[in-house]
Amino acid sequence: MTTGEMILSNPRINALNKTSLGTAALLAGIGLLIMVIAAPFAELYVFPRLIVAGNAAQTVKNILENRSLFTYALFAYLITFICDVLVAWALYIFLKPVDENFSLLTALFRWVYSAIALVALLHLVTVSDLLNPSHPVSGLQPDAMYAQVMLSIDLFTSHWYFGLIFFAIHLGLIGYLVIRSTYVPKILGVLLIIAGLGYLLNALKPFFFADSNLKFAEYTYYGELIFMLWLLVKGSRIQQPD
């Protein structure tokens, strides 16, 4: 065995190279905190100001007059979905002592959601291209361009919301692992499962009860926020379980 192989096989060196539970919890908490800031900025502040349902001409006018704001929203979504990838990995590390294979499966569901969300985001890039005077497609007739802009916005929303099915399953599985763990309060697992059910109902609403105006996740997402605070305050100081 070479010296390099002996170093790599040393248990002490391997232990140092591993990400601790406290570090994983901190990274997950920071990622969730960034998402809590970025996603509402785009979804609850920018989009309601710019997008007028059923009025393509006014929507295009609003975006053109606030192009920078629209771009900020696009990148806020991008940061959010990138953070989803980081959080999925960090929570996999954090809950790996409970059940390594199941924790990996849980992370995979969030990674699938992130991939769907990032692909959906390309529809907003299309909107930016359509409204860019230097882009070839800007020569479309106004009515055709307005219709394409609204279609792209609708496709982003519908595709992203469909991806929330995978995100909802992820939250439910995270909740299950938290309940099984010995180092996280079980009540957090219950709250995460409830939050997952809220997102699942939101994602399925267009398919099964489209006439309903109730946004279930608005009443259940608090479990995520409480879990985020616990990760930042308590989880970051947790010791490795035996």
C-alpha atoms as a PDB file:
ATOM      1  CA  MET A   1       0.000   0.000   0.000  1.00  0.00           C
ATOM      2  CA  THR A   2       1.356   3.424  -0.968  1.00  0.00           C
ATOM      3  CA  THR A   3       1.675   6.338   1.439  1.00  0.00           C
ATOM      4  CA  GLY A   4      -1.249   8.119  -0.282  1.00  0.00           C
ATOM      5  CA  GLU A   5      -3.473   5.082   0.050  1.00  0.00           C
ATOM      6  CA  MET A   6      -2.534   4.735   3.723  1.00  0.00           C
ATOM      7  CA  ILE A   7      -3.477   8.387   4.325  1.00  0.00           C
ATOM      8  CA  LEU A   8      -6.813   8.051   2.512  1.00  0.00           C
ATOM      9  CA  SER A   9      -7.684   4.865   4.405  1.00  0.00           C
ATOM     10  CA  ASN A  10      -6.871   6.379   7.806  1.00  0.00           C
ATOM     11  CA  PRO A  11     -10.180   6.547   9.798  1.00  0.00           C
ATOM     12  CA  ARG A  12      -9.149   9.832  11.416  1.00  0.00           C
ATOM     13  CA  ILE A  13      -8.509  11.458   8.042  1.00  0.00           C
ATOM     14  CA  ASN A  14     -11.838  10.139   6.707  1.00  0.00           C
ATOM     15  CA  ALA A  15     -13.641  11.519   9.743  1.00  0.00           C
ATOM     16  CA  LEU A  16     -12.117  14.943   9.143  1.00  0.00           C
ATOM     17  CA  ASN A  17     -13.169  14.850   5.485  1.00  0.00           C
ATOM     18  CA  LYS A  18     -16.806  14.145   6.319  1.00  0.00           C
ATOM     19  CA  THR A  19     -19.335  16.941   6.575  1.00  0.00           C
ATOM     20  CA  SER A  20     -20.569  17.084  10.171  1.00  0.00           C
ATOM     21  CA  LEU A  21     -24.258  17.083  11.013  1.00  0.00           C
ATOM     22  CA  GLY A  22     -23.939  20.584  12.439  1.00  0.00           C
ATOM     23  CA  THR A  23     -22.365  21.909   9.240  1.00  0.00           C
ATOM     24  CA  ALA A  24     -24.992  20.164   7.100  1.00  0.00           C
ATOM     25  CA  ALA A  25     -27.776  21.634   9.236  1.00  0.00           C
ATOM     26  CA  LEU A  26     -26.250  25.109   8.957  1.00  0.00           C
ATOM     27  CA  LEU A  27     -25.901  24.865   5.174  1.00  0.00           C
ATOM     28  CA  ALA A  28     -29.493  23.630   4.852  1.00  0.00           C
ATOM     29  CA  GLY A  29     -30.741  26.440   7.104  1.00  0.00           C
ATOM     30  CA  ILE A  30     -28.837  29.115   5.162  1.00  0.00           C
ATOM     31  CA  GLY A  31     -30.101  27.727   1.848  1.00  0.00           C
ATOM     32  CA  LEU A  32     -33.683  27.765   3.109  1.00  0.00           C
ATOM     33  CA  LEU A  33     -33.246  31.309   4.432  1.00  0.00           C
ATOM     34  CA  ILE A  34     -32.042  32.526   1.026  1.00  0.00           C
ATOM     35  CA  MET A  35     -35.038  30.833  -0.589  1.00  0.00           C
ATOM     36  CA  VAL A  36     -37.428  32.443   1.905  1.00  0.00           C
ATOM     37  CA  ILE A  37     -36.130  35.830   0.750  1.00  0.00           C
ATOM     38  CA  ALA A  38     -35.704  35.212  -2.989  1.00  0.00           C
ATOM     39  CA  ALA A  39     -38.852  33.247  -3.876  1.00  0.00           C
ATOM     40  CA  PRO A  40     -41.414  35.588  -2.222  1.00  0.00           C
ATOM     41  CA  PHE A  41     -39.661  38.573  -3.810  1.00  0.00           C
ATOM     42  CA  ALA A  42     -40.343  37.130  -7.268  1.00  0.00           C
ATOM     43  CA  GLU A  43     -43.655  35.373  -6.615  1.00  0.00           C
ATOM     44  CA  LEU A  44     -45.389  37.783  -4.233  1.00  0.00           C
ATOM     45  CA  TYR A  45     -43.845  41.160  -5.082  1.00  0.00           C
ATOM     46  CA  VAL A  46     -42.687  41.279  -8.715  1.00  0.00           C
ATOM     47  CA  PHE A  47     -45.183  39.044 -10.526  1.00  0.00           C
ATOM     48  CA  PRO A  48     -48.340  40.661  -9.075  1.00  0.00           C
ATOM     49  CA  ARG A  49     -46.971  44.080 -10.106  1.00  0.00           C
ATOM     50  CA  LEU A  50     -46.144  43.069 -13.672  1.00  0.00           C
ATOM     51  CA  ILE A  51     -48.497  40.292 -14.750  1.00  0.00           C
ATOM     52  CA  VAL A  52     -52.160  41.086 -15.356  1.00  0.00           C
ATOM     53  CA  ALA A  53     -54.235  37.949 -15.820  1.00  0.00           C
ATOM     54  CA  GLY A  54     -56.164  38.003 -19.094  1.00  0.00           C
ATOM     55  CA  ASN A  55     -54.510  41.212 -20.299  1.00  0.00           C
ATOM     56  CA  ALA A  56     -51.470  40.392 -22.431  1.00  0.00           C
ATOM     57  CA  ALA A  57     -50.974  43.939 -23.731  1.00  0.00           C
ATOM     58  CA  GLN A  58     -50.848  45.436 -20.229  1.00  0.00           C
ATOM     59  CA  THR A  59     -48.541  42.654 -19.033  1.00  0.00           C
ATOM     60  CA  VAL A  60     -46.088  43.303 -21.868  1.00  0.00           C
ATOM     61  CA  LYS A  61     -46.268  47.047 -21.196  1.00  0.00           C
ATOM     62  CA  ASN A  62     -45.536  46.489 -17.502  1.00  0.00           C
ATOM     63  CA  ILE A  63     -42.551  44.233 -18.223  1.00  0.00           C
ATOM     64  CA  LEU A  64     -41.110  46.652 -20.784  1.00  0.00           C
ATOM     65  CA  GLU A  65     -41.405  49.536 -18.326  1.00  0.00           C
ATOM     66  CA  ASN A  66     -39.878  47.477 -15.538  1.00  0.00           C
ATOM     67  CA  ARG A  67     -37.408  45.299 -17.407  1.00  0.00           C
ATOM     68  CA  SER A  68     -34.845  45.376 -14.587  1.00  0.00           C
ATOM     69  CA  LEU A  69     -37.448  44.270 -12.049  1.00  0.00           C
ATOM     70  CA  PHE A  70     -38.457  41.367 -14.292  1.00  0.00           C
ATOM     71  CA  THR A  71     -34.791  40.347 -14.646  1.00  0.00           C
ATOM     72  CA  TYR A  72     -34.318  40.488 -10.869  1.00  0.00           C
ATOM     73  CA  ALA A  73     -37.311  38.184 -10.451  1.00  0.00           C
ATOM     74  CA  LEU A  74     -35.928  35.739 -13.022  1.00  0.00           C
ATOM     75  CA  PHE A  75     -32.618  35.512 -11.161  1.00  0.00           C
ATOM     76  CA  ALA A  76     -34.391  35.314  -7.810  1.00  0.00           C
ATOM     77  CA  TYR A  77     -36.111  32.172  -9.084  1.00  0.00           C
ATOM     78  CA  LEU A  78     -32.772  30.876 -10.382  1.00  0.00           C
ATOM     79  CA  ILE A  79     -31.116  31.387  -6.990  1.00  0.00           C
ATOM     80  CA  THR A  80     -34.057  29.680  -5.303  1.00  0.00           C
ATOM     81  CA  PHE A  81     -33.847  26.568  -7.478  1.00  0.00           C
ATOM     82  CA  ILE A  82     -30.060  26.361  -7.096  1.00  0.00           C
ATOM     83  CA  CYS A  83     -30.508  26.563  -3.328  1.00  0.00           C
ATOM     84  CA  ASP A  84     -32.963  23.657  -3.622  1.00  0.00           C
ATOM     85  CA  VAL A  85     -30.093  21.520  -4.938  1.00  0.00           C
ATOM     86  CA  LEU A  86     -27.855  22.587  -2.033  1.00  0.00           C
ATOM     87  CA  VAL A  87     -30.567  22.041   0.592  1.00  0.00           C
ATOM     88  CA  ALA A  88     -31.370  18.572  -0.778  1.00  0.00           C
ATOM     89  CA  TRP A  89     -27.706  17.563  -0.430  1.00  0.00           C
ATOM     90  CA  ALA A  90     -27.328  19.115   3.038  1.00  0.00           C
ATOM     91  CA  LEU A  91     -30.466  17.420   4.364  1.00  0.00           C
ATOM     92  CA  TYR A  92     -29.273  14.118   2.899  1.00  0.00           C
ATOM     93  CA  ILE A  93     -26.086  14.453   4.962  1.00  0.00           C
ATOM     94  CA  PHE A  94     -28.021  15.626   8.016  1.00  0.00           C
ATOM     95  CA  LEU A  95     -30.469  12.688   7.999  1.00  0.00           C
ATOM     96  CA  LYS A  96     -28.101  10.027   6.684  1.00  0.00           C
ATOM     97  CA  PRO A  97     -27.540   8.559  10.203  1.00  0.00           C
ATOM     98  CA  VAL A  98     -31.267   7.718  10.349  1.00  0.00           C
ATOM     99  CA  ASP A  99     -31.315   5.726   7.092  1.00  0.00           C
ATOM    100  CA  GLU A 100     -28.686   6.430   4.443  1.00  0.00           C
ATOM    101  CA  ASN A 101     -30.508   4.905   1.462  1.00  0.00           C
ATOM    102  CA  PHE A 102     -33.863   6.422   2.362  1.00  0.00           C
ATOM    103  CA  SER A 103     -32.220   9.817   2.925  1.00  0.00           C
ATOM    104  CA  LEU A 104     -30.670   9.604  -0.551  1.00  0.00           C
ATOM    105  CA  LEU A 105     -34.059   8.735  -2.066  1.00  0.00           C
ATOM    106  CA  THR A 106     -35.531  11.747  -0.282  1.00  0.00           C
ATOM    107  CA  ALA A 107     -32.866  14.013  -1.764  1.00  0.00           C
ATOM    108  CA  LEU A 108     -33.492  12.603  -5.251  1.00  0.00           C
ATOM    109  CA  PHE A 109     -37.114  13.741  -5.147  1.00  0.00           C
ATOM    110  CA  ARG A 110     -35.997  17.323  -4.452  1.00  0.00           C
ATOM    111  CA  TRP A 111     -33.350  17.146  -7.164  1.00  0.00           C
ATOM    112  CA  VAL A 112     -35.982  16.006  -9.674  1.00  0.00           C
ATOM    113  CA  TYR A 113     -38.156  18.934  -8.590  1.00  0.00           C
ATOM    114  CA  SER A 114     -35.200  21.306  -9.011  1.00  0.00           C
ATOM    115  CA  ALA A 115     -34.546  20.013 -12.534  1.00  0.00           C
ATOM    116  CA  ILE A 116     -38.194  20.517 -13.520  1.00  0.00           C
ATOM    117  CA  ALA A 117     -38.208  24.012 -12.002  1.00  0.00           C
ATOM    118  CA  LEU A 118     -35.009  25.027 -13.810  1.00  0.00           C
ATOM    119  CA  VAL A 119     -36.404  23.801 -17.138  1.00  0.00           C
ATOM    120  CA  ALA A 120     -39.638  25.700 -16.435  1.00  0.00           C
ATOM    121  CA  LEU A 121     -37.592  28.833 -15.768  1.00  0.00           C
ATOM    122  CA  LEU A 122     -36.447  28.787 -19.388  1.00  0.00           C
ATOM    123  CA  HIS A 123     -39.945  30.007 -20.298  1.00  0.00           C
ATOM    124  CA  LEU A 124     -39.200  33.265 -18.455  1.00  0.00           C
ATOM    125  CA  VAL A 125     -35.928  33.489 -20.393  1.00  0.00           C
ATOM    126  CA  THR A 126     -38.064  33.190 -23.529  1.00  0.00           C
ATOM    127  CA  VAL A 127     -40.173  36.136 -22.346  1.00  0.00           C
ATOM    128  CA  SER A 128     -37.007  38.183 -21.864  1.00  0.00           C
ATOM    129  CA  ASP A 129     -35.862  37.270 -25.387  1.00  0.00           C
ATOM    130  CA  LEU A 130     -39.224  38.102 -26.938  1.00  0.00           C
ATOM    131  CA  LEU A 131     -39.151  41.580 -25.426  1.00  0.00           C
ATOM    132  CA  ASN A 132     -35.519  42.261 -26.309  1.00  0.00           C
ATOM    133  CA  PRO A 133     -35.458  44.701 -29.286  1.00  0.00           C
ATOM    134  CA  SER A 134     -32.185  43.223 -30.567  1.00  0.00           C
ATOM    135  CA  HIS A 135     -33.529  39.660 -30.627  1.00  0.00           C
ATOM    136  CA  PRO A 136     -34.733  38.306 -34.007  1.00  0.00           C
ATOM    137  CA  VAL A 137     -38.142  37.271 -32.670  1.00  0.00           C
ATOM    138  CA  SER A 138     -38.873  40.855 -31.636  1.00  0.00           C
ATOM    139  CA  GLY A 139     -40.136  41.428 -35.185  1.00  0.00           C
ATOM    140  CA  LEU A 140     -43.308  39.455 -34.485  1.00  0.00           C
ATOM    141  CA  GLN A 141     -46.644  41.160 -34.883  1.00  0.00           C
ATOM    142  CA  PRO A 142     -47.813  42.683 -31.557  1.00  0.00           C
ATOM    143  CA  ASP A 143     -50.744  40.303 -31.114  1.00  0.00           C
ATOM    144  CA  ALA A 144     -48.556  37.257 -31.806  1.00  0.00           C
ATOM    145  CA  MET A 145     -45.860  38.511 -29.441  1.00  0.00           C
ATOM    146  CA  TYR A 146     -48.386  39.258 -26.676  1.00  0.00           C
ATOM    147  CA  ALA A 147     -49.850  35.775 -27.024  1.00  0.00           C
ATOM    148  CA  GLN A 148     -46.397  34.173 -26.929  1.00  0.00           C
ATOM    149  CA  VAL A 149     -45.407  36.149 -23.829  1.00  0.00           C
ATOM    150  CA  MET A 150     -48.521  35.115 -21.914  1.00  0.00           C
ATOM    151  CA  LEU A 151     -48.140  31.501 -23.069  1.00  0.00           C
ATOM    152  CA  SER A 152     -44.542  31.413 -21.838  1.00  0.00           C
ATOM    153  CA  ILE A 153     -45.518  32.859 -18.459  1.00  0.00           C
ATOM    154  CA  ASP A 154     -48.362  30.358 -18.110  1.00  0.00           C
ATOM    155  CA  LEU A 155     -46.060  27.478 -19.088  1.00  0.00           C
ATOM    156  CA  PHE A 156     -43.518  28.516 -16.462  1.00  0.00           C
ATOM    157  CA  THR A 157     -46.179  28.528 -13.764  1.00  0.00           C
ATOM    158  CA  SER A 158     -47.868  25.274 -14.795  1.00  0.00           C
ATOM    159  CA  HIS A 159     -44.605  23.338 -15.240  1.00  0.00           C
ATOM    160  CA  TRP A 160     -43.181  24.634 -11.972  1.00  0.00           C
ATOM    161  CA  TYR A 161     -46.368  23.782 -10.088  1.00  0.00           C
ATOM    162  CA  PHE A 162     -46.331  20.277 -11.577  1.00  0.00           C
ATOM    163  CA  GLY A 163     -42.785  19.875 -10.224  1.00  0.00           C
ATOM    164  CA  LEU A 164     -44.129  20.701  -6.772  1.00  0.00           C
ATOM    165  CA  ILE A 165     -45.538  17.158  -6.684  1.00  0.00           C
ATOM    166  CA  PHE A 166     -41.975  15.889  -6.275  1.00  0.00           C
ATOM    167  CA  PHE A 167     -41.187  18.638  -3.777  1.00  0.00           C
ATOM    168  CA  ALA A 168     -44.239  17.678  -1.721  1.00  0.00           C
ATOM    169  CA  ILE A 169     -43.144  14.038  -1.640  1.00  0.00           C
ATOM    170  CA  HIS A 170     -39.680  15.194  -0.570  1.00  0.00           C
ATOM    171  CA  LEU A 171     -41.114  17.130   2.375  1.00  0.00           C
ATOM    172  CA  GLY A 172     -43.223  14.160   3.431  1.00  0.00           C
ATOM    173  CA  LEU A 173     -40.205  11.849   3.355  1.00  0.00           C
ATOM    174  CA  ILE A 174     -38.096  14.387   5.252  1.00  0.00           C
ATOM    175  CA  GLY A 175     -40.826  14.525   7.878  1.00  0.00           C
ATOM    176  CA  TYR A 176     -40.798  10.723   8.145  1.00  0.00           C
ATOM    177  CA  LEU A 177     -37.015  10.676   8.639  1.00  0.00           C
ATOM    178  CA  VAL A 178     -37.226  13.432  11.248  1.00  0.00           C
ATOM    179  CA  ILE A 179     -39.829  11.450  13.190  1.00  0.00           C
ATOM    180  CA  ARG A 180     -37.566   8.394  13.088  1.00  0.00           C
ATOM    181  CA  SER A 181     -34.492  10.357  14.177  1.00  0.00           C
ATOM    182  CA  THR A 182     -33.273  10.663  17.757  1.00  0.00           C
ATOM    183  CA  TYR A 183     -31.710  14.115  17.420  1.00  0.00           C
ATOM    184  CA  VAL A 184     -34.511  16.225  15.880  1.00  0.00           C
ATOM    185  CA  PRO A 185     -37.824  17.060  17.641  1.00  0.00           C
ATOM    186  CA  LYS A 186     -40.513  14.768  16.227  1.00  0.00           C
ATOM    187  CA  ILE A 187     -43.033  17.614  16.066  1.00  0.00           C
ATOM    188  CA  LEU A 188     -40.944  19.116  13.260  1.00  0.00           C
ATOM    189  CA  GLY A 189     -41.462  15.932  11.263  1.00  0.00           C
ATOM    190  CA  VAL A 190     -45.225  16.201  11.708  1.00  0.00           C
ATOM    191  CA  LEU A 191     -45.178  19.851  10.584  1.00  0.00           C
ATOM    192  CA  LEU A 192     -43.092  18.971   7.507  1.00  0.00           C
ATOM    193  CA  ILE A 193     -45.526  16.230   6.505  1.00  0.00           C
ATOM    194  CA  ILE A 194     -48.406  18.707   6.827  1.00  0.00           C
ATOM    195  CA  ALA A 195     -46.460  21.229   4.717  1.00  0.00           C
ATOM    196  CA  GLY A 196     -45.871  18.539   2.102  1.00  0.00           C
ATOM    197  CA  LEU A 197     -49.584  17.760   1.949  1.00  0.00           C
ATOM    198  CA  GLY A 198     -50.312  21.453   1.384  1.00  0.00           C
ATOM    199  CA  TYR A 199     -47.904  21.638  -1.554  1.00  0.00           C
ATOM    200  CA  LEU A 200     -49.269  18.388  -2.964  1.00  0.00           C
ATOM    201  CA  LEU A 201     -52.845  19.714  -2.921  1.00  0.00           C
ATOM    202  CA  ASN A 202     -51.641  22.937  -4.571  1.00  0.00           C
ATOM    203  CA  ALA A 203     -49.885  20.978  -7.319  1.00  0.00           C
ATOM    204  CA  LEU A 204     -52.879  18.729  -7.959  1.00  0.00           C
ATOM    205  CA  LYS A 205     -55.449  21.546  -7.876  1.00  0.00           C
ATOM    206  CA  PRO A 206     -55.263  22.370 -11.629  1.00  0.00           C
ATOM    207  CA  PHE A 207     -55.958  18.711 -12.471  1.00  0.00           C
ATOM    208  CA  PHE A 208     -58.659  17.753  -9.967  1.00  0.00           C
ATOM    209  CA  PHE A 209     -60.268  20.918  -8.540  1.00  0.00           C
ATOM    210  CA  ALA A 210     -59.339  23.777 -10.857  1.00  0.00           C
ATOM    211  CA  ASP A 211     -62.327  25.874  -9.801  1.00  0.00           C
ATOM    212  CA  SER A 212     -61.095  26.137  -6.231  1.00  0.00           C
ATOM    213  CA  ASN A 213     -59.394  29.409  -5.240  1.00  0.00           C
ATOM    214  CA  LEU A 214     -57.941  27.954  -2.056  1.00  0.00           C
ATOM    215  CA  LYS A 215     -54.124  27.902  -1.926  1.00  0.00           C
ATOM    216  CA  PHE A 216     -53.483  25.150   0.573  1.00  0.00           C
ATOM    217  CA  ALA A 217     -49.741  25.781   0.966  1.00  0.00           C
ATOM    218  CA  GLU A 218     -50.426  29.268   2.327  1.00  0.00           C
ATOM    219  CA  TYR A 219     -51.765  27.600   5.476  1.00  0.00           C
ATOM    220  CA  THR A 220     -49.275  24.744   5.794  1.00  0.00           C
ATOM    221  CA  TYR A 221     -45.849  26.085   4.785  1.00  0.00           C
ATOM    222  CA  TYR A 222     -45.099  27.307   8.305  1.00  0.00           C
ATOM    223  CA  GLY A 223     -43.599  23.903   9.089  1.00  0.00           C
ATOM    224  CA  GLU A 224     -40.784  24.688   6.648  1.00  0.00           C
ATOM    225  CA  LEU A 225     -40.075  28.014   8.353  1.00  0.00           C
ATOM    226  CA  ILE A 226     -39.992  26.460  11.816  1.00  0.00           C
ATOM    227  CA  PHE A 227     -37.694  23.693  10.550  1.00  0.00           C
ATOM    228  CA  MET A 228     -35.402  26.312   8.973  1.00  0.00           C
ATOM    229  CA  LEU A 229     -35.136  28.227  12.258  1.00  0.00           C
ATOM    230  CA  TRP A 230     -34.421  25.025  14.163  1.00  0.00           C
ATOM    231  CA  LEU A 231     -31.652  24.097  11.695  1.00  0.00           C
ATOM    232  CA  LEU A 232     -30.024  27.515  12.085  1.00  0.00           C
ATOM    233  CA  VAL A 233     -30.339  27.803  15.866  1.00  0.00           C
ATOM    234  CA  LYS A 234     -30.253  24.241  17.206  1.00  0.00           C
ATOM    235  CA  GLY A 235     -29.295  21.963  14.328  1.00  0.00           C
ATOM    236  CA  SER A 236     -26.039  23.801  13.590  1.00  0.00           C
ATOM    237  CA  ARG A 237     -24.818  22.934  17.102  1.00  0.00           C
ATOM    238  CA  ILE A 238     -25.858  19.308  17.089  1.00  0.00           C
ATOM    239  CA  GLN A 239     -23.309  16.593  17.849  1.00  0.00           C
ATOM    240  CA  GLN A 240     -22.772  13.423  15.863  1.00  0.00           C
ATOM    241  CA  PRO A 241     -25.231  10.784  17.101  1.00  0.00           C
ATOM    242  CA  ASP A 242     -23.804   7.489  18.400  1.00  0.00           C
END
